[in-house]
Amino acid sequence: MAFWFARGVRRGVVTTRYPKAPEPVGSTFPTPPAFRPGLLTPQLAEALESACPSRALWREGALLLFDLGRCTTCGECARVAPEAVRPSGVFELATREPSRLVKGIPIAAVRR
């Protein structure tokens, strides 16, 4: 311990960016979904809401709300709507405010 303390005093504070390099194993982790708003119809939004076992998806008016804090990355939404949902590729999420984890996805208007 004394060695590391002396080294730190001699060199000053040394930090590295986290992560130093992307971990290759990270590409195999399941990640939360990313939505394609232009393909999200009201019927598809309802199907996604009812398929989500963790209740991370719900509708409010013309928005589909998605809570990243509740999402378990089970993949049910991608199974129900593969054309409108894809993996985000982001598996490390952090915030001090849980409300920042709730995202609003616009639902496309149905054209006749």
PDB file of N, CA and C in Angstrom:
ATOM      1  N   MET A   1       0.830  -1.189   0.000  1.00  0.00           N
ATOM      2  CA  MET A   1       0.000   0.000   0.000  1.00  0.00           C
ATOM      3  C   MET A   1       0.873   1.251   0.000  1.00  0.00           C
ATOM      4  N   ALA A   2       1.945   1.234   0.800  1.00  0.00           N
ATOM      5  CA  ALA A   2       2.829   2.395   0.877  1.00  0.00           C
ATOM      6  C   ALA A   2       3.480   2.650  -0.481  1.00  0.00           C
ATOM      7  N   PHE A   3       3.800   1.566  -1.205  1.00  0.00           N
ATOM      8  CA  PHE A   3       4.409   1.718  -2.527  1.00  0.00           C
ATOM      9  C   PHE A   3       3.488   2.490  -3.463  1.00  0.00           C
ATOM     10  N   TRP A   4       2.205   2.108  -3.492  1.00  0.00           N
ATOM     11  CA  TRP A   4       1.261   2.778  -4.385  1.00  0.00           C
ATOM     12  C   TRP A   4       1.035   4.226  -3.981  1.00  0.00           C
ATOM     13  N   PHE A   5       1.027   4.481  -2.683  1.00  0.00           N
ATOM     14  CA  PHE A   5       0.870   5.852  -2.199  1.00  0.00           C
ATOM     15  C   PHE A   5       2.057   6.706  -2.636  1.00  0.00           C
ATOM     16  N   ALA A   6       3.264   6.193  -2.422  1.00  0.00           N
ATOM     17  CA  ALA A   6       4.472   6.935  -2.797  1.00  0.00           C
ATOM     18  C   ALA A   6       4.513   7.165  -4.305  1.00  0.00           C
ATOM     19  N   ARG A   7       4.135   6.158  -5.055  1.00  0.00           N
ATOM     20  CA  ARG A   7       4.111   6.286  -6.515  1.00  0.00           C
ATOM     21  C   ARG A   7       3.099   7.354  -6.950  1.00  0.00           C
ATOM     22  N   GLY A   8       1.947   7.374  -6.336  1.00  0.00           N
ATOM     23  CA  GLY A   8       0.931   8.363  -6.660  1.00  0.00           C
ATOM     24  C   GLY A   8       1.384   9.771  -6.332  1.00  0.00           C
ATOM     25  N   VAL A   9       2.061   9.958  -5.198  1.00  0.00           N
ATOM     26  CA  VAL A   9       2.559  11.269  -4.818  1.00  0.00           C
ATOM     27  C   VAL A   9       3.636  11.722  -5.805  1.00  0.00           C
ATOM     28  N   ARG A  10       4.496  10.798  -6.197  1.00  0.00           N
ATOM     29  CA  ARG A  10       5.590  11.124  -7.104  1.00  0.00           C
ATOM     30  C   ARG A  10       5.069  11.485  -8.501  1.00  0.00           C
ATOM     31  N   ARG A  11       4.116  10.722  -9.017  1.00  0.00           N
ATOM     32  CA  ARG A  11       3.611  10.924 -10.379  1.00  0.00           C
ATOM     33  C   ARG A  11       2.408  11.858 -10.458  1.00  0.00           C
ATOM     34  N   GLY A  12       1.763  12.116  -9.371  1.00  0.00           N
ATOM     35  CA  GLY A  12       0.523  12.884  -9.396  1.00  0.00           C
ATOM     36  C   GLY A  12      -0.636  11.926  -9.635  1.00  0.00           C
ATOM     37  N   VAL A  13      -1.816  12.449  -9.724  1.00  0.00           N
ATOM     38  CA  VAL A  13      -2.993  11.613  -9.932  1.00  0.00           C
ATOM     39  C   VAL A  13      -2.973  11.089 -11.364  1.00  0.00           C
ATOM     40  N   VAL A  14      -3.044   9.790 -11.497  1.00  0.00           N
ATOM     41  CA  VAL A  14      -3.045   9.167 -12.818  1.00  0.00           C
ATOM     42  C   VAL A  14      -4.362   8.424 -12.978  1.00  0.00           C
ATOM     43  N   THR A  15      -5.117   8.812 -13.985  1.00  0.00           N
ATOM     44  CA  THR A  15      -6.375   8.121 -14.263  1.00  0.00           C
ATOM     45  C   THR A  15      -6.421   7.739 -15.730  1.00  0.00           C
ATOM     46  N   THR A  16      -7.243   6.781 -16.024  1.00  0.00           N
ATOM     47  CA  THR A  16      -7.454   6.391 -17.413  1.00  0.00           C
ATOM     48  C   THR A  16      -8.934   6.501 -17.718  1.00  0.00           C
ATOM     49  N   ARG A  17      -9.239   6.661 -18.975  1.00  0.00           N
ATOM     50  CA  ARG A  17     -10.644   6.691 -19.384  1.00  0.00           C
ATOM     51  C   ARG A  17     -11.230   5.294 -19.201  1.00  0.00           C
ATOM     52  N   TYR A  18     -12.492   5.223 -18.866  1.00  0.00           N
ATOM     53  CA  TYR A  18     -13.159   3.930 -18.724  1.00  0.00           C
ATOM     54  C   TYR A  18     -14.106   3.733 -19.885  1.00  0.00           C
ATOM     55  N   PRO A  19     -14.125   2.628 -20.508  1.00  0.00           N
ATOM     56  CA  PRO A  19     -13.064   1.621 -20.508  1.00  0.00           C
ATOM     57  C   PRO A  19     -11.919   2.083 -21.393  1.00  0.00           C
ATOM     58  N   LYS A  20     -10.765   1.534 -21.151  1.00  0.00           N
ATOM     59  CA  LYS A  20      -9.591   1.907 -21.939  1.00  0.00           C
ATOM     60  C   LYS A  20      -9.810   1.528 -23.398  1.00  0.00           C
ATOM     61  N   ALA A  21     -10.419   0.374 -23.611  1.00  0.00           N
ATOM     62  CA  ALA A  21     -10.782  -0.086 -24.955  1.00  0.00           C
ATOM     63  C   ALA A  21     -12.075  -0.879 -24.824  1.00  0.00           C
ATOM     64  N   PRO A  22     -12.907  -0.892 -25.859  1.00  0.00           N
ATOM     65  CA  PRO A  22     -14.147  -1.674 -25.771  1.00  0.00           C
ATOM     66  C   PRO A  22     -13.856  -3.150 -25.529  1.00  0.00           C
ATOM     67  N   GLU A  23     -14.625  -3.734 -24.654  1.00  0.00           N
ATOM     68  CA  GLU A  23     -14.480  -5.157 -24.366  1.00  0.00           C
ATOM     69  C   GLU A  23     -15.103  -5.975 -25.490  1.00  0.00           C
ATOM     70  N   PRO A  24     -14.390  -6.924 -26.074  1.00  0.00           N
ATOM     71  CA  PRO A  24     -14.967  -7.720 -27.152  1.00  0.00           C
ATOM     72  C   PRO A  24     -16.171  -8.554 -26.706  1.00  0.00           C
ATOM     73  N   VAL A  25     -16.193  -8.963 -25.453  1.00  0.00           N
ATOM     74  CA  VAL A  25     -17.308  -9.775 -24.972  1.00  0.00           C
ATOM     75  C   VAL A  25     -18.596  -8.957 -24.915  1.00  0.00           C
ATOM     76  N   GLY A  26     -18.480  -7.647 -24.895  1.00  0.00           N
ATOM     77  CA  GLY A  26     -19.657  -6.790 -24.830  1.00  0.00           C
ATOM     78  C   GLY A  26     -20.587  -6.960 -26.012  1.00  0.00           C
ATOM     79  N   SER A  27     -20.071  -7.372 -27.141  1.00  0.00           N
ATOM     80  CA  SER A  27     -20.922  -7.545 -28.316  1.00  0.00           C
ATOM     81  C   SER A  27     -21.852  -8.747 -28.185  1.00  0.00           C
ATOM     82  N   THR A  28     -21.598  -9.619 -27.228  1.00  0.00           N
ATOM     83  CA  THR A  28     -22.463 -10.788 -27.040  1.00  0.00           C
ATOM     84  C   THR A  28     -23.528 -10.570 -25.969  1.00  0.00           C
ATOM     85  N   PHE A  29     -23.458  -9.476 -25.220  1.00  0.00           N
ATOM     86  CA  PHE A  29     -24.447  -9.196 -24.184  1.00  0.00           C
ATOM     87  C   PHE A  29     -25.777  -8.791 -24.805  1.00  0.00           C
ATOM     88  N   PRO A  30     -26.889  -9.190 -24.202  1.00  0.00           N
ATOM     89  CA  PRO A  30     -28.173  -8.650 -24.660  1.00  0.00           C
ATOM     90  C   PRO A  30     -28.253  -7.183 -24.261  1.00  0.00           C
ATOM     91  N   THR A  31     -28.785  -6.376 -25.142  1.00  0.00           N
ATOM     92  CA  THR A  31     -28.859  -4.941 -24.871  1.00  0.00           C
ATOM     93  C   THR A  31     -30.302  -4.468 -24.968  1.00  0.00           C
ATOM     94  N   PRO A  32     -30.622  -3.350 -24.327  1.00  0.00           N
ATOM     95  CA  PRO A  32     -31.980  -2.814 -24.420  1.00  0.00           C
ATOM     96  C   PRO A  32     -32.332  -2.495 -25.872  1.00  0.00           C
ATOM     97  N   PRO A  33     -33.605  -2.448 -26.163  1.00  0.00           N
ATOM     98  CA  PRO A  33     -34.002  -2.198 -27.551  1.00  0.00           C
ATOM     99  C   PRO A  33     -33.859  -0.739 -27.957  1.00  0.00           C
ATOM    100  N   ALA A  34     -33.735  -0.553 -29.268  1.00  0.00           N
ATOM    101  CA  ALA A  34     -33.811   0.768 -29.892  1.00  0.00           C
ATOM    102  C   ALA A  34     -35.013   0.696 -30.833  1.00  0.00           C
ATOM    103  N   PHE A  35     -35.800   1.746 -30.869  1.00  0.00           N
ATOM    104  CA  PHE A  35     -37.044   1.746 -31.637  1.00  0.00           C
ATOM    105  C   PHE A  35     -36.913   2.609 -32.877  1.00  0.00           C
ATOM    106  N   ARG A  36     -37.603   2.226 -33.938  1.00  0.00           N
ATOM    107  CA  ARG A  36     -37.671   3.009 -35.169  1.00  0.00           C
ATOM    108  C   ARG A  36     -39.046   3.678 -35.198  1.00  0.00           C
ATOM    109  N   PRO A  37     -39.121   4.942 -34.785  1.00  0.00           N
ATOM    110  CA  PRO A  37     -40.415   5.617 -34.633  1.00  0.00           C
ATOM    111  C   PRO A  37     -41.262   5.642 -35.902  1.00  0.00           C
ATOM    112  N   GLY A  38     -40.657   5.764 -37.054  1.00  0.00           N
ATOM    113  CA  GLY A  38     -41.423   5.830 -38.291  1.00  0.00           C
ATOM    114  C   GLY A  38     -42.201   4.554 -38.593  1.00  0.00           C
ATOM    115  N   LEU A  39     -41.779   3.444 -38.012  1.00  0.00           N
ATOM    116  CA  LEU A  39     -42.445   2.157 -38.247  1.00  0.00           C
ATOM    117  C   LEU A  39     -43.361   1.749 -37.106  1.00  0.00           C
ATOM    118  N   LEU A  40     -43.459   2.578 -36.080  1.00  0.00           N
ATOM    119  CA  LEU A  40     -44.240   2.250 -34.891  1.00  0.00           C
ATOM    120  C   LEU A  40     -45.674   2.755 -35.039  1.00  0.00           C
ATOM    121  N   THR A  41     -46.581   1.867 -35.363  1.00  0.00           N
ATOM    122  CA  THR A  41     -47.997   2.213 -35.508  1.00  0.00           C
ATOM    123  C   THR A  41     -48.698   2.076 -34.157  1.00  0.00           C
ATOM    124  N   PRO A  42     -49.905   2.640 -34.013  1.00  0.00           N
ATOM    125  CA  PRO A  42     -50.635   2.471 -32.758  1.00  0.00           C
ATOM    126  C   PRO A  42     -50.900   0.999 -32.418  1.00  0.00           C
ATOM    127  N   GLN A  43     -51.219   0.188 -33.419  1.00  0.00           N
ATOM    128  CA  GLN A  43     -51.472  -1.239 -33.173  1.00  0.00           C
ATOM    129  C   GLN A  43     -50.199  -1.947 -32.716  1.00  0.00           C
ATOM    130  N   LEU A  44     -49.087  -1.604 -33.336  1.00  0.00           N
ATOM    131  CA  LEU A  44     -47.815  -2.207 -32.950  1.00  0.00           C
ATOM    132  C   LEU A  44     -47.407  -1.765 -31.545  1.00  0.00           C
ATOM    133  N   ALA A  45     -47.669  -0.513 -31.199  1.00  0.00           N
ATOM    134  CA  ALA A  45     -47.365  -0.015 -29.852  1.00  0.00           C
ATOM    135  C   ALA A  45     -48.173  -0.772 -28.800  1.00  0.00           C
ATOM    136  N   GLU A  46     -49.438  -1.044 -29.095  1.00  0.00           N
ATOM    137  CA  GLU A  46     -50.261  -1.815 -28.160  1.00  0.00           C
ATOM    138  C   GLU A  46     -49.745  -3.241 -28.020  1.00  0.00           C
ATOM    139  N   ALA A  47     -49.324  -3.840 -29.136  1.00  0.00           N
ATOM    140  CA  ALA A  47     -48.779  -5.203 -29.090  1.00  0.00           C
ATOM    141  C   ALA A  47     -47.492  -5.237 -28.276  1.00  0.00           C
ATOM    142  N   LEU A  48     -46.649  -4.226 -28.432  1.00  0.00           N
ATOM    143  CA  LEU A  48     -45.404  -4.158 -27.660  1.00  0.00           C
ATOM    144  C   LEU A  48     -45.685  -3.982 -26.175  1.00  0.00           C
ATOM    145  N   GLU A  49     -46.639  -3.127 -25.857  1.00  0.00           N
ATOM    146  CA  GLU A  49     -46.995  -2.889 -24.458  1.00  0.00           C
ATOM    147  C   GLU A  49     -47.482  -4.173 -23.790  1.00  0.00           C
ATOM    148  N   SER A  50     -48.325  -4.925 -24.478  1.00  0.00           N
ATOM    149  CA  SER A  50     -48.855  -6.151 -23.866  1.00  0.00           C
ATOM    150  C   SER A  50     -47.824  -7.281 -23.843  1.00  0.00           C
ATOM    151  N   ALA A  51     -46.822  -7.244 -24.710  1.00  0.00           N
ATOM    152  CA  ALA A  51     -45.815  -8.311 -24.754  1.00  0.00           C
ATOM    153  C   ALA A  51     -44.704  -8.121 -23.728  1.00  0.00           C
ATOM    154  N   CYS A  52     -44.527  -6.911 -23.210  1.00  0.00           N
ATOM    155  CA  CYS A  52     -43.414  -6.629 -22.301  1.00  0.00           C
ATOM    156  C   CYS A  52     -43.678  -7.202 -20.904  1.00  0.00           C
ATOM    157  N   PRO A  53     -42.909  -8.221 -20.483  1.00  0.00           N
ATOM    158  CA  PRO A  53     -43.157  -8.826 -19.167  1.00  0.00           C
ATOM    159  C   PRO A  53     -42.741  -7.940 -17.989  1.00  0.00           C
ATOM    160  N   SER A  54     -41.828  -7.006 -18.207  1.00  0.00           N
ATOM    161  CA  SER A  54     -41.362  -6.163 -17.106  1.00  0.00           C
ATOM    162  C   SER A  54     -42.098  -4.829 -17.030  1.00  0.00           C
ATOM    163  N   ARG A  55     -43.084  -4.629 -17.899  1.00  0.00           N
ATOM    164  CA  ARG A  55     -43.877  -3.409 -17.959  1.00  0.00           C
ATOM    165  C   ARG A  55     -42.997  -2.164 -18.171  1.00  0.00           C
ATOM    166  N   ALA A  56     -41.963  -2.327 -18.993  1.00  0.00           N
ATOM    167  CA  ALA A  56     -41.075  -1.214 -19.313  1.00  0.00           C
ATOM    168  C   ALA A  56     -41.642  -0.361 -20.443  1.00  0.00           C
ATOM    169  N   LEU A  57     -42.696  -0.826 -21.097  1.00  0.00           N
ATOM    170  CA  LEU A  57     -43.330  -0.098 -22.197  1.00  0.00           C
ATOM    171  C   LEU A  57     -44.776   0.222 -21.848  1.00  0.00           C
ATOM    172  N   TRP A  58     -45.189   1.473 -22.093  1.00  0.00           N
ATOM    173  CA  TRP A  58     -46.590   1.844 -21.931  1.00  0.00           C
ATOM    174  C   TRP A  58     -46.873   3.051 -22.815  1.00  0.00           C
ATOM    175  N   ARG A  59     -48.151   3.207 -23.149  1.00  0.00           N
ATOM    176  CA  ARG A  59     -48.565   4.313 -24.017  1.00  0.00           C
ATOM    177  C   ARG A  59     -49.103   5.475 -23.222  1.00  0.00           C
ATOM    178  N   GLU A  60     -48.795   6.669 -23.712  1.00  0.00           N
ATOM    179  CA  GLU A  60     -49.400   7.902 -23.219  1.00  0.00           C
ATOM    180  C   GLU A  60     -49.657   8.770 -24.435  1.00  0.00           C
ATOM    181  N   GLY A  61     -50.881   8.786 -24.884  1.00  0.00           N
ATOM    182  CA  GLY A  61     -51.238   9.570 -26.065  1.00  0.00           C
ATOM    183  C   GLY A  61     -50.523   9.079 -27.306  1.00  0.00           C
ATOM    184  N   ALA A  62     -49.791   9.979 -27.960  1.00  0.00           N
ATOM    185  CA  ALA A  62     -49.086   9.644 -29.198  1.00  0.00           C
ATOM    186  C   ALA A  62     -47.649   9.203 -28.944  1.00  0.00           C
ATOM    187  N   LEU A  63     -47.355   8.817 -27.697  1.00  0.00           N
ATOM    188  CA  LEU A  63     -46.007   8.358 -27.349  1.00  0.00           C
ATOM    189  C   LEU A  63     -46.048   6.953 -26.779  1.00  0.00           C
ATOM    190  N   LEU A  64     -45.040   6.184 -27.109  1.00  0.00           N
ATOM    191  CA  LEU A  64     -44.769   4.921 -26.432  1.00  0.00           C
ATOM    192  C   LEU A  64     -43.622   5.223 -25.484  1.00  0.00           C
ATOM    193  N   LEU A  65     -43.862   5.102 -24.187  1.00  0.00           N
ATOM    194  CA  LEU A  65     -42.819   5.383 -23.203  1.00  0.00           C
ATOM    195  C   LEU A  65     -42.058   4.107 -22.889  1.00  0.00           C
ATOM    196  N   PHE A  66     -40.751   4.263 -22.783  1.00  0.00           N
ATOM    197  CA  PHE A  66     -39.864   3.131 -22.547  1.00  0.00           C
ATOM    198  C   PHE A  66     -38.966   3.452 -21.366  1.00  0.00           C
ATOM    199  N   ASP A  67     -39.041   2.637 -20.293  1.00  0.00           N
ATOM    200  CA  ASP A  67     -38.234   2.829 -19.096  1.00  0.00           C
ATOM    201  C   ASP A  67     -37.051   1.867 -19.138  1.00  0.00           C
ATOM    202  N   LEU A  68     -35.875   2.405 -19.405  1.00  0.00           N
ATOM    203  CA  LEU A  68     -34.666   1.582 -19.474  1.00  0.00           C
ATOM    204  C   LEU A  68     -34.341   0.937 -18.135  1.00  0.00           C
ATOM    205  N   GLY A  69     -34.764   1.559 -17.039  1.00  0.00           N
ATOM    206  CA  GLY A  69     -34.508   1.004 -15.718  1.00  0.00           C
ATOM    207  C   GLY A  69     -35.314  -0.251 -15.431  1.00  0.00           C
ATOM    208  N   ARG A  70     -36.460  -0.384 -16.067  1.00  0.00           N
ATOM    209  CA  ARG A  70     -37.300  -1.571 -15.877  1.00  0.00           C
ATOM    210  C   ARG A  70     -36.986  -2.684 -16.872  1.00  0.00           C
ATOM    211  N   CYS A  71     -36.395  -2.334 -17.998  1.00  0.00           N
ATOM    212  CA  CYS A  71     -36.163  -3.298 -19.079  1.00  0.00           C
ATOM    213  C   CYS A  71     -35.192  -4.394 -18.633  1.00  0.00           C
ATOM    214  N   THR A  72     -35.558  -5.633 -18.893  1.00  0.00           N
ATOM    215  CA  THR A  72     -34.712  -6.774 -18.546  1.00  0.00           C
ATOM    216  C   THR A  72     -33.998  -7.341 -19.764  1.00  0.00           C
ATOM    217  N   THR A  73     -34.087  -6.678 -20.900  1.00  0.00           N
ATOM    218  CA  THR A  73     -33.493  -7.086 -22.170  1.00  0.00           C
ATOM    219  C   THR A  73     -33.873  -8.517 -22.548  1.00  0.00           C
ATOM    220  N   CYS A  74     -35.135  -8.835 -22.358  1.00  0.00           N
ATOM    221  CA  CYS A  74     -35.605 -10.195 -22.648  1.00  0.00           C
ATOM    222  C   CYS A  74     -35.752 -10.446 -24.146  1.00  0.00           C
ATOM    223  N   GLY A  75     -35.965  -9.384 -24.926  1.00  0.00           N
ATOM    224  CA  GLY A  75     -36.085  -9.537 -26.370  1.00  0.00           C
ATOM    225  C   GLY A  75     -37.488  -9.765 -26.877  1.00  0.00           C
ATOM    226  N   GLU A  76     -38.492  -9.731 -26.009  1.00  0.00           N
ATOM    227  CA  GLU A  76     -39.874  -9.954 -26.443  1.00  0.00           C
ATOM    228  C   GLU A  76     -40.329  -8.887 -27.427  1.00  0.00           C
ATOM    229  N   CYS A  77     -39.924  -7.645 -27.198  1.00  0.00           N
ATOM    230  CA  CYS A  77     -40.338  -6.572 -28.103  1.00  0.00           C
ATOM    231  C   CYS A  77     -39.753  -6.783 -29.500  1.00  0.00           C
ATOM    232  N   ALA A  78     -38.519  -7.230 -29.582  1.00  0.00           N
ATOM    233  CA  ALA A  78     -37.897  -7.495 -30.884  1.00  0.00           C
ATOM    234  C   ALA A  78     -38.546  -8.693 -31.562  1.00  0.00           C
ATOM    235  N   ARG A  79     -39.038  -9.632 -30.767  1.00  0.00           N
ATOM    236  CA  ARG A  79     -39.715 -10.793 -31.342  1.00  0.00           C
ATOM    237  C   ARG A  79     -41.081 -10.398 -31.898  1.00  0.00           C
ATOM    238  N   VAL A  80     -41.790  -9.521 -31.182  1.00  0.00           N
ATOM    239  CA  VAL A  80     -43.127  -9.090 -31.601  1.00  0.00           C
ATOM    240  C   VAL A  80     -43.055  -8.160 -32.807  1.00  0.00           C
ATOM    241  N   ALA A  81     -42.072  -7.264 -32.832  1.00  0.00           N
ATOM    242  CA  ALA A  81     -41.983  -6.258 -33.901  1.00  0.00           C
ATOM    243  C   ALA A  81     -40.549  -6.128 -34.422  1.00  0.00           C
ATOM    244  N   PRO A  82     -40.042  -7.141 -35.114  1.00  0.00           N
ATOM    245  CA  PRO A  82     -38.651  -7.078 -35.575  1.00  0.00           C
ATOM    246  C   PRO A  82     -38.377  -5.938 -36.555  1.00  0.00           C
ATOM    247  N   GLU A  83     -39.420  -5.481 -37.248  1.00  0.00           N
ATOM    248  CA  GLU A  83     -39.216  -4.382 -38.191  1.00  0.00           C
ATOM    249  C   GLU A  83     -39.071  -3.031 -37.497  1.00  0.00           C
ATOM    250  N   ALA A  84     -39.604  -2.880 -36.298  1.00  0.00           N
ATOM    251  CA  ALA A  84     -39.582  -1.594 -35.596  1.00  0.00           C
ATOM    252  C   ALA A  84     -38.651  -1.572 -34.390  1.00  0.00           C
ATOM    253  N   VAL A  85     -38.122  -2.723 -33.994  1.00  0.00           N
ATOM    254  CA  VAL A  85     -37.280  -2.805 -32.794  1.00  0.00           C
ATOM    255  C   VAL A  85     -36.004  -3.567 -33.140  1.00  0.00           C
ATOM    256  N   ARG A  86     -34.883  -3.030 -32.675  1.00  0.00           N
ATOM    257  CA  ARG A  86     -33.595  -3.708 -32.871  1.00  0.00           C
ATOM    258  C   ARG A  86     -32.772  -3.538 -31.592  1.00  0.00           C
ATOM    259  N   PRO A  87     -31.745  -4.346 -31.365  1.00  0.00           N
ATOM    260  CA  PRO A  87     -30.893  -4.146 -30.190  1.00  0.00           C
ATOM    261  C   PRO A  87     -30.139  -2.829 -30.308  1.00  0.00           C
ATOM    262  N   SER A  88     -29.984  -2.135 -29.202  1.00  0.00           N
ATOM    263  CA  SER A  88     -29.311  -0.835 -29.226  1.00  0.00           C
ATOM    264  C   SER A  88     -27.797  -0.963 -29.269  1.00  0.00           C
ATOM    265  N   GLY A  89     -27.262  -2.054 -28.722  1.00  0.00           N
ATOM    266  CA  GLY A  89     -25.820  -2.206 -28.655  1.00  0.00           C
ATOM    267  C   GLY A  89     -25.193  -1.529 -27.447  1.00  0.00           C
ATOM    268  N   VAL A  90     -25.999  -0.850 -26.638  1.00  0.00           N
ATOM    269  CA  VAL A  90     -25.505  -0.145 -25.452  1.00  0.00           C
ATOM    270  C   VAL A  90     -25.893  -0.958 -24.223  1.00  0.00           C
ATOM    271  N   PHE A  91     -24.908  -1.427 -23.474  1.00  0.00           N
ATOM    272  CA  PHE A  91     -25.245  -2.223 -22.297  1.00  0.00           C
ATOM    273  C   PHE A  91     -24.835  -1.569 -20.997  1.00  0.00           C
ATOM    274  N   GLU A  92     -24.147  -0.448 -21.045  1.00  0.00           N
ATOM    275  CA  GLU A  92     -23.771   0.249 -19.822  1.00  0.00           C
ATOM    276  C   GLU A  92     -24.539   1.562 -19.754  1.00  0.00           C
ATOM    277  N   LEU A  93     -25.451   1.645 -18.816  1.00  0.00           N
ATOM    278  CA  LEU A  93     -26.270   2.835 -18.636  1.00  0.00           C
ATOM    279  C   LEU A  93     -26.166   3.282 -17.185  1.00  0.00           C
ATOM    280  N   ALA A  94     -26.036   4.581 -16.987  1.00  0.00           N
ATOM    281  CA  ALA A  94     -25.970   5.088 -15.617  1.00  0.00           C
ATOM    282  C   ALA A  94     -26.518   6.503 -15.571  1.00  0.00           C
ATOM    283  N   THR A  95     -27.197   6.806 -14.486  1.00  0.00           N
ATOM    284  CA  THR A  95     -27.677   8.159 -14.236  1.00  0.00           C
ATOM    285  C   THR A  95     -27.980   8.286 -12.754  1.00  0.00           C
ATOM    286  N   ARG A  96     -27.977   9.501 -12.290  1.00  0.00           N
ATOM    287  CA  ARG A  96     -28.357   9.750 -10.898  1.00  0.00           C
ATOM    288  C   ARG A  96     -29.842  10.027 -10.785  1.00  0.00           C
ATOM    289  N   GLU A  97     -30.481  10.283 -11.925  1.00  0.00           N
ATOM    290  CA  GLU A  97     -31.906  10.586 -11.938  1.00  0.00           C
ATOM    291  C   GLU A  97     -32.654   9.500 -12.709  1.00  0.00           C
ATOM    292  N   PRO A  98     -33.396   8.645 -12.027  1.00  0.00           N
ATOM    293  CA  PRO A  98     -34.123   7.579 -12.715  1.00  0.00           C
ATOM    294  C   PRO A  98     -35.064   8.083 -13.808  1.00  0.00           C
ATOM    295  N   SER A  99     -35.569   9.296 -13.670  1.00  0.00           N
ATOM    296  CA  SER A  99     -36.483   9.817 -14.686  1.00  0.00           C
ATOM    297  C   SER A  99     -35.794   9.995 -16.042  1.00  0.00           C
ATOM    298  N   ARG A 100     -34.478  10.105 -16.055  1.00  0.00           N
ATOM    299  CA  ARG A 100     -33.745  10.242 -17.317  1.00  0.00           C
ATOM    300  C   ARG A 100     -33.677   8.932 -18.087  1.00  0.00           C
ATOM    301  N   LEU A 101     -34.052   7.829 -17.451  1.00  0.00           N
ATOM    302  CA  LEU A 101     -34.064   6.536 -18.127  1.00  0.00           C
ATOM    303  C   LEU A 101     -35.369   6.280 -18.875  1.00  0.00           C
ATOM    304  N   VAL A 102     -36.339   7.175 -18.723  1.00  0.00           N
ATOM    305  CA  VAL A 102     -37.623   7.017 -19.421  1.00  0.00           C
ATOM    306  C   VAL A 102     -37.550   7.800 -20.731  1.00  0.00           C
ATOM    307  N   LYS A 103     -37.730   7.086 -21.829  1.00  0.00           N
ATOM    308  CA  LYS A 103     -37.651   7.686 -23.162  1.00  0.00           C
ATOM    309  C   LYS A 103     -39.022   7.668 -23.822  1.00  0.00           C
ATOM    310  N   GLY A 104     -39.345   8.714 -24.536  1.00  0.00           N
ATOM    311  CA  GLY A 104     -40.603   8.794 -25.277  1.00  0.00           C
ATOM    312  C   GLY A 104     -40.357   8.537 -26.753  1.00  0.00           C
ATOM    313  N   ILE A 105     -41.031   7.555 -27.309  1.00  0.00           N
ATOM    314  CA  ILE A 105     -40.906   7.219 -28.721  1.00  0.00           C
ATOM    315  C   ILE A 105     -42.187   7.631 -29.424  1.00  0.00           C
ATOM    316  N   PRO A 106     -42.110   8.536 -30.410  1.00  0.00           N
ATOM    317  CA  PRO A 106     -43.325   8.960 -31.114  1.00  0.00           C
ATOM    318  C   PRO A 106     -43.941   7.819 -31.906  1.00  0.00           C
ATOM    319  N   ILE A 107     -45.245   7.721 -31.832  1.00  0.00           N
ATOM    320  CA  ILE A 107     -45.993   6.711 -32.601  1.00  0.00           C
ATOM    321  C   ILE A 107     -46.424   7.359 -33.910  1.00  0.00           C
ATOM    322  N   ALA A 108     -46.118   6.718 -35.009  1.00  0.00           N
ATOM    323  CA  ALA A 108     -46.465   7.258 -36.333  1.00  0.00           C
ATOM    324  C   ALA A 108     -47.963   7.286 -36.508  1.00  0.00           C
ATOM    325  N   ALA A 109     -48.448   8.327 -37.142  1.00  0.00           N
ATOM    326  CA  ALA A 109     -49.875   8.436 -37.441  1.00  0.00           C
ATOM    327  C   ALA A 109     -50.212   7.465 -38.561  1.00  0.00           C
ATOM    328  N   VAL A 110     -51.372   6.865 -38.469  1.00  0.00           N
ATOM    329  CA  VAL A 110     -51.820   5.926 -39.486  1.00  0.00           C
ATOM    330  C   VAL A 110     -52.378   6.714 -40.667  1.00  0.00           C
ATOM    331  N   ARG A 111     -51.831   6.441 -41.849  1.00  0.00           N
ATOM    332  CA  ARG A 111     -52.304   7.131 -43.059  1.00  0.00           C
ATOM    333  C   ARG A 111     -53.344   6.282 -43.748  1.00  0.00           C
ATOM    334  N   ARG A 112     -54.356   6.930 -44.262  1.00  0.00           N
ATOM    335  CA  ARG A 112     -55.435   6.215 -44.964  1.00  0.00           C
ATOM    336  C   ARG A 112     -55.423   6.540 -46.424  1.00  0.00           C
TER     337      ARG A 112
END
